[in-house]
């Protein structure tokens, strides 16, 4: 059970307050996820002058599934409206645009950490490390408020490593109280694995490769899913109640059903409905 309901609203993408940064700053390559190649800093061919996607309602049909599973954790509106004070990259100085595209991925990583830390603070088992979590949350928020120059020069990998140590400790505390064998599958290669009905209660699946794994009816209650690759994983009728460090992008990349039980921090993907 969660200790309290956290407010994650500012850590969800708000495209209305963003200048389409994910559609410009990030690169992608022609693949099963993207229909074409695009270089970093180059606007996607589907991006309109008003920063809206011209094929938003048909992304999957047009071969842009990767766009439908992406979430910036609110970094887009943070960079657009706070870091650059509402200055549009289309009309501002070229140097501002270049720097905006440079810092967007940095802020996205910081916001992802904010998501994990905010969720960690809702876990009753995390009380022994609550003070450290609070401090890490404060420090990370402070970093997101930096100037473009400060953000560009930030060693975000070092900060992620520092926070990860704390999140790992939180995971150990949370999973200790979960019934089950608490399997350690950190970084495991479970691509295409047959895990139908598997008992994965309290398991550590941190960074596990679960691409196209069959998790139909699996029990994932209280599992740590931070960084798990769930692309095309089948979560039909699986129970993820109490699973933590699960993000919307992970869930959007998976398949599921009306019978899939989810934690309250994430929403049932719209494309699941069409599959059931």
Protein backbone atom coordinates (compact mmCIF):
# COMPACT_ATOMS: atom_id res chain seq x y z
CA UNK A 1 0.00 0.00 0.00
CA UNK A 2 1.10 3.55 -0.68
CA UNK A 3 1.65 5.87 2.25
CA UNK A 4 0.01 8.78 0.43
CA UNK A 5 -1.06 9.73 -3.06
CA UNK A 6 1.67 11.74 -4.75
CA UNK A 7 1.12 14.51 -7.27
CA UNK A 8 2.89 13.51 -10.45
CA UNK A 9 0.96 15.93 -12.67
CA UNK A 10 3.97 18.17 -13.34
CA UNK A 11 5.95 15.10 -14.38
CA UNK A 12 3.62 14.21 -17.24
CA UNK A 13 4.12 15.63 -20.71
CA UNK A 14 1.93 18.63 -21.54
CA UNK A 15 2.26 19.17 -25.29
CA UNK A 16 0.12 22.31 -25.15
CA UNK A 17 2.91 24.06 -23.20
CA UNK A 18 5.81 22.68 -25.23
CA UNK A 19 7.34 23.72 -28.55
CA UNK A 20 7.41 20.17 -29.93
CA UNK A 21 10.88 19.56 -28.50
CA UNK A 22 10.75 15.77 -28.64
CA UNK A 23 9.86 16.07 -32.35
CA UNK A 24 12.95 18.16 -33.03
CA UNK A 25 15.69 17.58 -30.47
CA UNK A 26 15.76 13.79 -30.57
CA UNK A 27 17.09 11.59 -33.39
CA UNK A 28 15.45 8.40 -34.62
CA UNK A 29 16.28 5.75 -37.17
CA UNK A 30 14.06 3.95 -39.65
CA UNK A 31 12.94 0.78 -37.90
CA UNK A 32 9.87 -1.00 -36.53
CA UNK A 33 9.36 2.07 -34.33
CA UNK A 34 9.93 4.84 -36.88
CA UNK A 35 9.10 5.01 -40.57
CA UNK A 36 12.03 7.27 -41.48
CA UNK A 37 15.42 8.51 -40.29
CA UNK A 38 15.68 11.86 -38.53
CA UNK A 39 18.75 13.63 -37.20
CA UNK A 40 18.90 15.33 -33.80
CA UNK A 41 17.94 19.00 -34.04
CA UNK A 42 15.95 18.47 -37.24
CA UNK A 43 12.16 18.87 -37.09
CA UNK A 44 10.16 15.72 -37.82
CA UNK A 45 8.45 15.97 -41.20
CA UNK A 46 5.09 15.56 -39.42
CA UNK A 47 5.61 18.54 -37.11
CA UNK A 48 3.37 21.48 -38.02
CA UNK A 49 4.02 25.20 -37.59
CA UNK A 50 1.89 25.24 -34.42
CA UNK A 51 4.14 22.53 -32.91
CA UNK A 52 1.43 19.89 -33.21
CA UNK A 53 1.84 16.51 -34.86
CA UNK A 54 0.04 16.32 -38.20
CA UNK A 55 -0.59 12.58 -37.86
CA UNK A 56 -1.06 12.33 -34.09
CA UNK A 57 -4.22 10.22 -34.36
CA UNK A 58 -2.60 7.88 -36.93
CA UNK A 59 0.94 7.48 -35.62
CA UNK A 60 0.79 3.71 -35.27
CA UNK A 61 -0.79 3.24 -38.68
CA UNK A 62 1.87 5.49 -40.26
CA UNK A 63 4.78 3.57 -38.74
CA UNK A 64 5.62 5.89 -35.84
CA UNK A 65 4.89 3.57 -32.93
CA UNK A 66 7.97 4.94 -31.16
CA UNK A 67 6.26 8.30 -30.80
CA UNK A 68 3.25 6.73 -29.09
CA UNK A 69 5.34 5.15 -26.34
CA UNK A 70 7.50 8.18 -25.60
CA UNK A 71 6.96 10.48 -22.62
CA UNK A 72 9.19 13.38 -21.62
CA UNK A 73 8.07 13.33 -17.95
CA UNK A 74 7.18 17.00 -18.28
CA UNK A 75 10.63 18.03 -19.49
CA UNK A 76 9.15 19.59 -22.63
CA UNK A 77 7.11 22.22 -20.84
CA UNK A 78 9.87 22.75 -18.27
CA UNK A 79 12.46 23.60 -20.91
CA UNK A 80 10.01 25.56 -23.08
CA UNK A 81 8.32 27.64 -20.41
CA UNK A 82 10.81 27.78 -17.52
CA UNK A 83 14.37 27.23 -18.73
CA UNK A 84 13.84 29.40 -21.82
CA UNK A 85 11.00 31.54 -20.50
CA UNK A 86 8.55 30.75 -23.29
CA UNK A 87 10.93 31.61 -26.15
CA UNK A 88 9.99 29.62 -29.26
CA UNK A 89 12.93 27.93 -30.99
CA UNK A 90 11.37 28.75 -34.36
CA UNK A 91 11.45 32.51 -33.83
CA UNK A 92 14.29 33.00 -31.34
CA UNK A 93 18.05 33.18 -31.92
CA UNK A 94 19.62 30.12 -33.53
CA UNK A 95 21.92 29.69 -30.54
CA UNK A 96 18.88 29.50 -28.22
CA UNK A 97 17.41 26.75 -30.39
CA UNK A 98 20.66 24.78 -30.37
CA UNK A 99 21.00 25.07 -26.60
CA UNK A 100 17.32 24.20 -26.07
CA UNK A 101 17.73 20.97 -28.02
CA UNK A 102 20.91 20.24 -26.05
CA UNK A 103 19.38 20.60 -22.58
CA UNK A 104 16.04 18.91 -23.30
CA UNK A 105 17.42 15.33 -22.95
CA UNK A 106 19.20 16.38 -19.73
CA UNK A 107 16.03 17.73 -18.15
CA UNK A 108 14.14 14.67 -19.33
CA UNK A 109 16.55 12.47 -17.36
CA UNK A 110 16.20 14.68 -14.29
CA UNK A 111 12.41 14.56 -14.51
CA UNK A 112 12.49 10.78 -14.78
CA UNK A 113 14.48 10.72 -11.55
CA UNK A 114 11.91 13.03 -9.97
CA UNK A 115 9.22 10.52 -10.94
CA UNK A 116 11.06 7.66 -9.22
CA UNK A 117 11.89 9.69 -6.13
CA UNK A 118 8.34 10.98 -5.79
CA UNK A 119 7.01 7.45 -6.04
CA UNK A 120 9.62 6.13 -3.60
CA UNK A 121 8.33 8.57 -0.99
CA UNK A 122 4.87 6.97 -1.22
CA UNK A 123 6.19 3.57 -0.15
CA UNK A 124 5.71 2.93 3.59
CA UNK A 125 8.71 0.59 3.62
CA UNK A 126 10.94 3.49 2.56
CA UNK A 127 10.61 5.26 5.90
CA UNK A 128 14.19 4.39 6.97
CA UNK A 129 15.51 6.35 3.98
CA UNK A 130 12.82 9.04 3.83
CA UNK A 131 15.19 11.86 4.82
CA UNK A 132 17.66 10.85 2.11
CA UNK A 133 14.87 10.57 -0.47
CA UNK A 134 13.60 14.02 0.46
CA UNK A 135 17.08 15.48 0.07
CA UNK A 136 17.62 13.75 -3.28
CA UNK A 137 14.26 15.07 -4.48
CA UNK A 138 15.14 18.60 -3.37
CA UNK A 139 18.55 18.46 -5.05
CA UNK A 140 17.14 17.08 -8.30
CA UNK A 141 14.43 19.75 -8.45
CA UNK A 142 17.09 22.36 -7.84
CA UNK A 143 19.09 21.02 -10.78
CA UNK A 144 16.07 21.22 -13.10
CA UNK A 145 15.83 24.94 -12.28
CA UNK A 146 19.33 25.61 -13.57
CA UNK A 147 20.21 27.98 -16.39
CA UNK A 148 20.69 26.59 -19.91
CA UNK A 149 24.45 26.81 -19.39
CA UNK A 150 24.30 24.98 -16.05
CA UNK A 151 22.12 22.23 -17.47
CA UNK A 152 24.34 21.79 -20.53
CA UNK A 153 27.38 21.34 -18.28
CA UNK A 154 25.69 19.00 -15.81
CA UNK A 155 27.13 15.51 -15.30
CA UNK A 156 23.68 13.95 -15.29
CA UNK A 157 25.08 10.40 -15.39
CA UNK A 158 26.87 10.97 -12.08
CA UNK A 159 23.71 12.34 -10.50
CA UNK A 160 21.68 9.38 -11.80
CA UNK A 161 24.19 6.99 -10.25
CA UNK A 162 23.97 8.78 -6.91
CA UNK A 163 20.17 8.61 -6.92
CA UNK A 164 20.16 5.01 -8.15
CA UNK A 165 21.99 3.84 -5.03
CA UNK A 166 19.17 5.29 -2.96
CA UNK A 167 16.46 3.86 -5.21
CA UNK A 168 18.07 0.42 -4.98
CA UNK A 169 17.96 0.63 -1.19
CA UNK A 170 14.31 1.68 -1.40
CA UNK A 171 13.59 -1.31 -3.63
CA UNK A 172 15.19 -3.72 -1.18
CA UNK A 173 13.12 -2.33 1.68
CA UNK A 174 9.88 -2.41 -0.31
CA UNK A 175 10.33 -5.92 -1.66
CA UNK A 176 11.33 -7.32 1.73
CA UNK A 177 7.70 -7.11 2.82
CA UNK A 178 6.29 -8.80 -0.30
CA UNK A 179 5.16 -12.40 -0.18
CA UNK A 180 6.87 -14.66 -2.68
CA UNK A 181 10.40 -15.74 -3.49
CA UNK A 182 11.58 -12.24 -4.38
CA UNK A 183 13.59 -13.39 -7.39
CA UNK A 184 16.56 -11.27 -8.44
CA UNK A 185 16.31 -10.85 -12.21
CA UNK A 186 18.25 -7.59 -12.49
CA UNK A 187 19.47 -7.12 -16.05
CA UNK A 188 18.30 -10.62 -17.00
CA UNK A 189 17.88 -11.54 -20.66
CA UNK A 190 14.25 -12.64 -20.74
CA UNK A 191 13.52 -11.71 -24.33
CA UNK A 192 10.69 -13.88 -25.62
CA UNK A 193 10.62 -15.80 -22.32
CA UNK A 194 7.63 -17.97 -21.56
CA UNK A 195 6.53 -16.57 -18.22
CA UNK A 196 2.81 -17.23 -18.51
CA UNK A 197 1.35 -17.35 -14.99
CA UNK A 198 4.81 -16.90 -13.41
CA UNK A 199 5.06 -15.96 -9.74
CA UNK A 200 7.18 -12.82 -9.85
CA UNK A 201 5.91 -11.25 -6.65
CA UNK A 202 8.51 -8.96 -5.14
CA UNK A 203 10.97 -9.74 -7.93
CA UNK A 204 13.70 -7.32 -8.94
CA UNK A 205 13.37 -6.86 -12.70
CA UNK A 206 15.54 -3.76 -12.78
CA UNK A 207 16.87 -3.34 -16.32
CA UNK A 208 15.63 -6.79 -17.37
CA UNK A 209 15.09 -7.43 -21.09
CA UNK A 210 11.46 -8.58 -21.33
CA UNK A 211 11.02 -7.79 -25.02
CA UNK A 212 8.18 -9.92 -26.43
CA UNK A 213 8.06 -11.99 -23.21
CA UNK A 214 4.81 -13.83 -22.51
CA UNK A 215 3.70 -12.55 -19.11
CA UNK A 216 0.06 -13.53 -19.57
CA UNK A 217 -1.51 -13.92 -16.15
CA UNK A 218 1.84 -13.39 -14.41
CA UNK A 219 1.85 -12.19 -10.79
CA UNK A 220 4.05 -9.06 -10.66
CA UNK A 221 2.67 -7.66 -7.44
CA UNK A 222 5.30 -5.62 -5.58
CA UNK A 223 7.91 -6.10 -8.31
CA UNK A 224 10.59 -3.50 -9.05
CA UNK A 225 10.31 -2.66 -12.77
CA UNK A 226 12.72 0.27 -13.02
CA UNK A 227 14.31 0.29 -16.47
CA UNK A 228 12.74 -3.04 -17.52
CA UNK A 229 12.33 -3.24 -21.30
CA UNK A 230 8.69 -4.23 -21.84
CA UNK A 231 8.53 -3.65 -25.59
CA UNK A 232 5.87 -5.96 -27.03
CA UNK A 233 5.69 -7.90 -23.74
CA UNK A 234 2.29 -9.53 -23.29
CA UNK A 235 0.76 -8.38 -19.99
CA UNK A 236 -2.70 -9.79 -20.72
CA UNK A 237 -4.46 -10.44 -17.40
CA UNK A 238 -1.19 -9.91 -15.50
CA UNK A 239 -1.34 -8.46 -11.99
CA UNK A 240 0.96 -5.46 -11.50
CA UNK A 241 -0.77 -4.26 -8.34
CA UNK A 242 1.79 -2.59 -6.11
CA UNK A 243 4.55 -2.89 -8.72
CA UNK A 244 6.76 0.17 -8.45
CA UNK A 245 9.05 2.31 -10.59
CA UNK A 246 6.87 1.44 -13.58
CA UNK A 247 6.52 4.33 -16.02
CA UNK A 248 3.96 5.14 -18.68
CA UNK A 249 6.43 4.74 -21.57
CA UNK A 250 7.22 1.19 -20.42
CA UNK A 251 3.54 0.34 -20.27
CA UNK A 252 2.78 1.99 -23.61
CA UNK A 253 5.39 -0.22 -25.25
CA UNK A 254 3.76 -3.40 -23.94
CA UNK A 255 0.55 -5.25 -24.83
CA UNK A 256 -2.22 -5.83 -22.36
CA UNK A 257 -5.92 -6.30 -21.79
CA UNK A 258 -8.88 -5.04 -19.83
CA UNK A 259 -7.98 -7.71 -17.28
CA UNK A 260 -4.46 -6.37 -16.65
CA UNK A 261 -4.30 -4.95 -13.13
CA UNK A 262 -2.18 -1.79 -12.87
CA UNK A 263 -0.78 0.45 -10.13
CA UNK A 264 -2.52 3.81 -9.76
CA UNK A 265 0.47 5.83 -10.98
CA UNK A 266 -0.03 4.77 -14.61
CA UNK A 267 -2.94 4.70 -17.05
CA UNK A 268 -4.17 1.85 -19.22
CA UNK A 269 -2.82 2.54 -22.75
CA UNK A 270 -5.50 3.37 -25.29
CA UNK A 271 -4.15 0.95 -27.89
CA UNK A 272 -4.72 -1.98 -25.52
CA UNK A 273 -8.47 -1.60 -25.98
CA UNK A 274 -8.19 -2.39 -29.67
CA UNK A 275 -6.37 -5.61 -28.90
CA UNK A 276 -8.95 -7.18 -26.60
